[in-house]
Amino acid sequence: MEVKRFRTISEFQQFRHLPKPDHPLISVFEVASATREGLQEEMSWLYDFYCIGLKKVVNSQKVKLKYGQQAYDFNEGIMSFVAPNQVLSLSFEEDDQSIQQSGWLLMVHPDFLWNTTLAKTIKQYDFWDYSVREALFLSEKEEELLIGIMKHIRQECTSNIDQFSKSIIVAHLETFLSYSDRFYHRQFITREKQNHQVLERLEQILNAYFNSDDLLSKGLPTVAQVAQSLNLSPKYLSSLLKVLTGQNTQQHIHEKLIEKAKEKLSTTNLSVSEIAYELGFEHLQSFSKLFKTKTNLSPLEFRASFN
Protein backbone atom coordinates (compact mmCIF):
# COMPACT_ATOMS: atom_id res chain seq x y z
CA MET A 1 0.00 0.00 0.00
CA GLU A 2 1.40 3.38 -1.01
CA VAL A 3 2.12 5.81 1.84
CA LYS A 4 0.92 9.35 1.18
CA ARG A 5 3.21 11.98 2.71
CA PHE A 6 2.09 15.43 3.82
CA ARG A 7 5.07 17.75 4.07
CA THR A 8 3.11 20.84 5.09
CA ILE A 9 -0.06 21.54 7.04
CA SER A 10 -1.43 23.45 4.06
CA GLU A 11 -1.00 20.36 1.88
CA PHE A 12 -2.95 18.23 4.35
CA GLN A 13 -5.78 20.74 4.70
CA GLN A 14 -6.06 21.02 0.93
CA PHE A 15 -6.33 17.22 0.74
CA ARG A 16 -9.16 17.30 3.30
CA HIS A 17 -10.88 20.14 1.38
CA LEU A 18 -10.31 22.66 4.15
CA PRO A 19 -9.39 26.35 3.85
CA LYS A 20 -5.74 27.27 3.88
CA PRO A 21 -4.50 27.62 7.50
CA ASP A 22 -4.07 31.15 8.86
CA HIS A 23 -0.58 30.20 10.06
CA PRO A 24 1.50 27.89 7.85
CA LEU A 25 3.16 26.09 10.79
CA ILE A 26 0.26 25.53 13.19
CA SER A 27 -3.44 24.88 12.74
CA VAL A 28 -6.51 23.89 14.75
CA PHE A 29 -9.78 22.91 13.11
CA GLU A 30 -12.96 20.98 13.83
CA VAL A 31 -13.10 17.47 12.37
CA ALA A 32 -16.68 17.95 11.17
CA SER A 33 -15.51 20.64 8.75
CA ALA A 34 -13.41 18.09 6.81
CA THR A 35 -15.05 15.92 4.14
CA ARG A 36 -14.42 12.23 3.42
CA GLU A 37 -14.03 12.99 -0.26
CA GLY A 38 -10.85 11.44 -1.63
CA LEU A 39 -10.46 8.97 1.23
CA GLN A 40 -10.04 5.35 0.15
CA GLU A 41 -11.22 2.21 1.96
CA GLU A 42 -7.64 1.56 3.05
CA MET A 43 -4.82 4.04 3.00
CA SER A 44 -1.65 5.00 4.86
CA TRP A 45 -0.11 8.39 5.30
CA LEU A 46 2.51 10.22 7.35
CA TYR A 47 3.09 13.82 8.34
CA ASP A 48 6.21 15.96 8.58
CA PHE A 49 4.55 17.61 11.58
CA TYR A 50 2.93 16.69 14.91
CA CYS A 51 -0.77 15.86 14.76
CA ILE A 52 -3.03 15.56 17.81
CA GLY A 53 -6.57 14.35 17.30
CA LEU A 54 -9.48 14.54 19.70
CA LYS A 55 -12.37 12.74 18.03
CA LYS A 56 -15.73 11.11 18.44
CA VAL A 57 -17.59 8.98 15.92
CA VAL A 58 -21.24 8.30 16.65
CA ASN A 59 -24.26 6.55 15.08
CA SER A 60 -22.29 3.64 13.65
CA GLN A 61 -21.93 0.04 14.74
CA LYS A 62 -19.13 -0.41 12.20
CA VAL A 63 -16.54 2.02 13.56
CA LYS A 64 -14.46 0.71 16.44
CA LEU A 65 -11.02 1.28 17.85
CA LYS A 66 -8.76 -1.34 19.38
CA TYR A 67 -6.85 -0.44 22.49
CA GLY A 68 -4.40 -3.33 22.85
CA GLN A 69 -6.69 -6.36 22.62
CA GLN A 70 -9.75 -4.47 23.91
CA ALA A 71 -12.33 -2.86 21.62
CA TYR A 72 -13.87 0.43 22.67
CA ASP A 73 -16.74 2.54 21.44
CA PHE A 74 -15.88 5.76 19.64
CA ASN A 75 -18.61 7.57 21.59
CA GLU A 76 -15.98 8.30 24.22
CA GLY A 77 -13.63 11.22 23.63
CA ILE A 78 -10.51 9.70 22.12
CA MET A 79 -7.12 11.36 21.71
CA SER A 80 -4.27 10.16 19.54
CA PHE A 81 -0.78 11.60 19.17
CA VAL A 82 1.16 11.19 15.93
CA ALA A 83 4.75 12.40 15.65
CA PRO A 84 6.49 13.36 12.39
CA ASN A 85 7.35 10.39 10.12
CA GLN A 86 5.01 7.95 11.89
CA VAL A 87 2.89 5.96 9.43
CA LEU A 88 -0.83 6.12 10.13
CA SER A 89 -3.02 3.40 8.59
CA LEU A 90 -6.74 4.00 8.13
CA SER A 91 -9.56 1.77 6.96
CA PHE A 92 -13.21 2.45 6.19
CA GLU A 93 -15.62 -0.44 5.70
CA GLU A 94 -17.89 1.62 3.53
CA ASP A 95 -18.98 5.15 2.87
CA ASP A 96 -21.66 5.00 5.54
CA GLN A 97 -23.57 8.28 5.76
CA SER A 98 -24.74 7.38 9.28
CA ILE A 99 -21.17 7.92 10.53
CA GLN A 100 -20.93 11.32 12.16
CA GLN A 101 -17.57 12.66 13.23
CA SER A 102 -16.88 15.41 15.70
CA GLY A 103 -13.81 16.65 17.50
CA TRP A 104 -10.67 18.64 16.81
CA LEU A 105 -7.30 18.32 15.12
CA LEU A 106 -4.23 20.24 16.25
CA MET A 107 -1.22 20.23 13.93
CA VAL A 108 2.17 21.76 14.75
CA HIS A 109 5.21 21.78 12.47
CA PRO A 110 8.56 21.36 14.28
CA ASP A 111 9.76 24.59 12.65
CA PHE A 112 7.18 26.51 14.70
CA LEU A 113 8.90 25.35 17.89
CA TRP A 114 12.36 26.45 16.77
CA ASN A 115 14.27 28.39 19.45
CA THR A 116 11.75 27.50 22.21
CA THR A 117 12.15 25.17 25.20
CA LEU A 118 9.33 23.01 23.81
CA ALA A 119 11.48 22.18 20.78
CA LYS A 120 13.60 20.00 23.08
CA THR A 121 11.03 18.87 25.63
CA ILE A 122 8.22 17.83 23.25
CA LYS A 123 10.00 14.59 22.38
CA GLN A 124 10.23 13.65 26.06
CA TYR A 125 6.53 12.82 26.24
CA ASP A 126 6.21 9.05 25.95
CA PHE A 127 2.84 9.15 24.19
CA TRP A 128 4.45 10.13 20.87
CA ASP A 129 5.83 6.58 20.76
CA TYR A 130 2.52 4.90 21.58
CA SER A 131 0.72 3.26 18.68
CA VAL A 132 -2.50 4.86 17.48
CA ARG A 133 -4.55 2.01 19.00
CA GLU A 134 -3.23 3.03 22.45
CA ALA A 135 -5.43 6.08 22.45
CA LEU A 136 -6.23 8.28 25.44
CA PHE A 137 -9.85 7.96 26.57
CA LEU A 138 -11.13 11.15 28.15
CA SER A 139 -13.82 11.89 30.70
CA GLU A 140 -16.26 14.65 29.83
CA LYS A 141 -14.47 17.16 32.06
CA GLU A 142 -11.06 16.25 30.65
CA GLU A 143 -12.39 16.60 27.12
CA GLU A 144 -13.86 20.04 27.86
CA LEU A 145 -10.59 21.23 29.37
CA LEU A 146 -8.45 20.13 26.39
CA ILE A 147 -10.89 21.46 23.81
CA GLY A 148 -10.82 24.77 25.68
CA ILE A 149 -7.03 24.94 25.30
CA MET A 150 -7.32 24.04 21.60
CA LYS A 151 -9.77 26.91 21.13
CA HIS A 152 -7.35 29.32 22.81
CA ILE A 153 -4.61 28.17 20.43
CA ARG A 154 -6.92 28.58 17.43
CA GLN A 155 -7.85 32.07 18.56
CA GLU A 156 -4.18 33.06 18.71
CA CYS A 157 -3.53 31.50 15.28
CA THR A 158 -6.41 33.36 13.64
CA SER A 159 -5.73 36.72 15.32
CA ASN A 160 -3.27 39.29 14.07
CA ILE A 161 0.19 37.83 14.69
CA ASP A 162 2.38 39.97 16.92
CA GLN A 163 5.52 39.60 19.04
CA PHE A 164 3.57 37.83 21.81
CA SER A 165 1.70 35.28 19.67
CA LYS A 166 4.33 32.56 19.53
CA SER A 167 5.16 32.56 23.25
CA ILE A 168 1.44 32.47 24.16
CA ILE A 169 0.76 29.58 21.75
CA VAL A 170 3.78 27.61 23.00
CA ALA A 171 2.63 28.13 26.61
CA HIS A 172 -0.80 26.75 25.68
CA LEU A 173 0.85 23.79 23.92
CA GLU A 174 2.98 23.00 26.97
CA THR A 175 -0.11 23.10 29.18
CA PHE A 176 -2.01 20.89 26.73
CA LEU A 177 0.76 18.27 26.65
CA SER A 178 1.17 18.29 30.44
CA TYR A 179 -2.54 17.66 30.93
CA SER A 180 -2.43 14.88 28.33
CA ASP A 181 0.45 13.26 30.20
CA ARG A 182 -1.51 13.49 33.46
CA PHE A 183 -4.62 11.96 31.87
CA TYR A 184 -2.59 9.06 30.44
CA HIS A 185 -1.27 8.27 33.90
CA ARG A 186 -4.85 8.42 35.20
CA GLN A 187 -5.85 5.97 32.48
CA PHE A 188 -3.12 3.52 33.50
CA ILE A 189 -4.65 3.47 36.99
CA THR A 190 -8.39 3.61 36.27
CA ARG A 191 -8.57 0.94 33.54
CA GLU A 192 -7.93 -1.66 36.22
CA LYS A 193 -9.39 -4.72 34.50
CA GLN A 194 -7.52 -4.25 31.21
CA ASN A 195 -4.26 -3.38 32.96
CA HIS A 196 -4.53 -6.40 35.26
CA GLN A 197 -4.95 -8.56 32.17
CA VAL A 198 -1.76 -7.06 30.72
CA LEU A 199 0.16 -7.92 33.90
CA GLU A 200 -1.19 -11.48 33.86
CA ARG A 201 -0.26 -11.96 30.21
CA LEU A 202 3.19 -10.45 30.81
CA GLU A 203 3.80 -12.98 33.59
CA GLN A 204 2.66 -15.84 31.34
CA ILE A 205 4.87 -14.69 28.46
CA LEU A 206 7.99 -14.33 30.62
CA ASN A 207 7.37 -17.66 32.37
CA ALA A 208 6.98 -19.44 29.03
CA TYR A 209 10.10 -17.76 27.68
CA PHE A 210 12.36 -18.60 30.60
CA ASN A 211 10.98 -22.13 30.94
CA SER A 212 11.68 -22.95 27.29
CA ASP A 213 14.52 -25.27 26.32
CA ASP A 214 15.89 -23.06 23.56
CA LEU A 215 16.87 -19.97 25.57
CA LEU A 216 20.42 -20.58 24.44
CA SER A 217 19.53 -20.05 20.79
CA LYS A 218 16.93 -17.33 21.38
CA GLY A 219 18.93 -15.26 23.82
CA LEU A 220 17.36 -12.96 26.39
CA PRO A 221 13.93 -11.52 25.50
CA THR A 222 13.94 -7.89 24.41
CA VAL A 223 11.46 -5.21 25.40
CA ALA A 224 10.30 -5.03 21.77
CA GLN A 225 9.63 -8.78 21.64
CA VAL A 226 7.63 -8.74 24.87
CA ALA A 227 5.61 -5.70 23.79
CA GLN A 228 4.86 -7.29 20.43
CA SER A 229 3.58 -10.42 22.18
CA LEU A 230 1.21 -8.20 24.15
CA ASN A 231 0.14 -6.22 21.05
CA LEU A 232 1.38 -3.01 22.67
CA SER A 233 4.05 -0.53 21.70
CA PRO A 234 7.28 -0.80 23.76
CA LYS A 235 6.96 2.73 25.13
CA TYR A 236 3.33 2.29 26.15
CA LEU A 237 4.02 -1.02 27.91
CA SER A 238 6.94 0.42 29.87
CA SER A 239 4.91 3.51 30.85
CA LEU A 240 1.98 1.35 31.96
CA LEU A 241 4.19 -0.99 34.02
CA LYS A 242 6.06 1.93 35.58
CA VAL A 243 2.81 3.41 36.89
CA LEU A 244 1.34 0.08 38.05
CA THR A 245 4.43 -1.63 39.49
CA GLY A 246 7.18 0.97 39.70
CA GLN A 247 9.29 -1.03 37.20
CA ASN A 248 9.59 -0.73 33.43
CA THR A 249 9.53 -3.68 31.02
CA GLN A 250 13.32 -4.21 31.10
CA GLN A 251 13.26 -4.40 34.88
CA HIS A 252 10.44 -6.96 34.76
CA ILE A 253 12.50 -9.08 32.36
CA HIS A 254 15.50 -8.86 34.68
CA GLU A 255 13.38 -9.77 37.73
CA LYS A 256 12.10 -12.90 36.00
CA LEU A 257 15.64 -13.74 34.88
CA ILE A 258 17.03 -13.42 38.42
CA GLU A 259 14.13 -15.52 39.74
CA LYS A 260 15.03 -18.28 37.29
CA ALA A 261 18.76 -17.97 38.08
CA LYS A 262 18.05 -18.30 41.83
CA GLU A 263 16.02 -21.43 41.14
CA LYS A 264 18.88 -23.04 39.20
CA LEU A 265 21.51 -21.99 41.74
CA SER A 266 19.56 -23.45 44.65
CA THR A 267 18.15 -26.64 43.10
CA THR A 268 20.81 -27.85 40.62
CA ASN A 269 24.53 -28.62 40.58
CA LEU A 270 25.11 -26.68 37.38
CA SER A 271 28.11 -24.36 37.44
CA VAL A 272 27.52 -20.60 37.32
CA SER A 273 28.89 -20.58 33.77
CA GLU A 274 26.44 -23.29 32.70
CA ILE A 275 23.52 -21.43 34.30
CA ALA A 276 24.49 -18.17 32.62
CA TYR A 277 24.78 -20.00 29.30
CA GLU A 278 21.37 -21.67 29.71
CA LEU A 279 19.76 -18.34 30.50
CA GLY A 280 20.96 -16.86 27.22
CA PHE A 281 24.08 -14.99 28.34
CA GLU A 282 27.08 -15.12 26.05
CA HIS A 283 29.42 -13.84 28.76
CA LEU A 284 29.58 -15.01 32.38
CA GLN A 285 30.67 -11.56 33.55
CA SER A 286 27.45 -9.96 32.27
CA PHE A 287 25.33 -12.50 34.14
CA SER A 288 27.35 -12.18 37.38
CA LYS A 289 27.22 -8.39 37.25
CA LEU A 290 23.45 -8.30 36.75
CA PHE A 291 22.86 -10.89 39.48
CA LYS A 292 24.93 -8.95 42.03
CA THR A 293 23.24 -5.66 41.08
CA LYS A 294 19.83 -7.21 41.74
CA THR A 295 20.64 -9.29 44.84
CA ASN A 296 23.76 -7.70 46.38
CA LEU A 297 25.30 -11.19 46.23
CA SER A 298 27.41 -12.92 43.64
CA PRO A 299 25.91 -16.16 42.21
CA LEU A 300 28.39 -18.22 44.26
CA GLU A 301 27.59 -16.27 47.45
CA PHE A 302 23.88 -16.84 46.84
CA ARG A 303 24.45 -20.59 46.35
CA ALA A 304 26.61 -20.77 49.48
CA SER A 305 23.77 -19.28 51.54
CA PHE A 306 21.83 -22.52 50.98
CA ASN A 307 24.60 -24.73 52.37
Foldseek 3Di string as FASTA:
>chain_A
DDEAEAEWPQSVCVQQVHDGFLDGFKAKDKPQVGDCPPPDQKYKYFYQWKKKWWKAKDQDPPDWFAAQNDIDHRRFTKIAIEGGPDMDMDGDPDPDPRIGMTTMMIIGHLVLCPPHPCNPCVVVQLRNQWDRSNIQTDDPVLRVVLVVLSVVLNVLSPDDDDPCSSVVNVVSVVVNSVSVSVSLLVVLPPVVVVNVVLVVVLVVVLVCQQPDQVCLVVAQDDLCNSCVVSSIGSSSQQVSCCSVPVGGPVVVSLVSLLVVLLVCLAPHPDDLVVSCSRNRHPDSVVVQVSNCVVPVDGSVRSSVVND
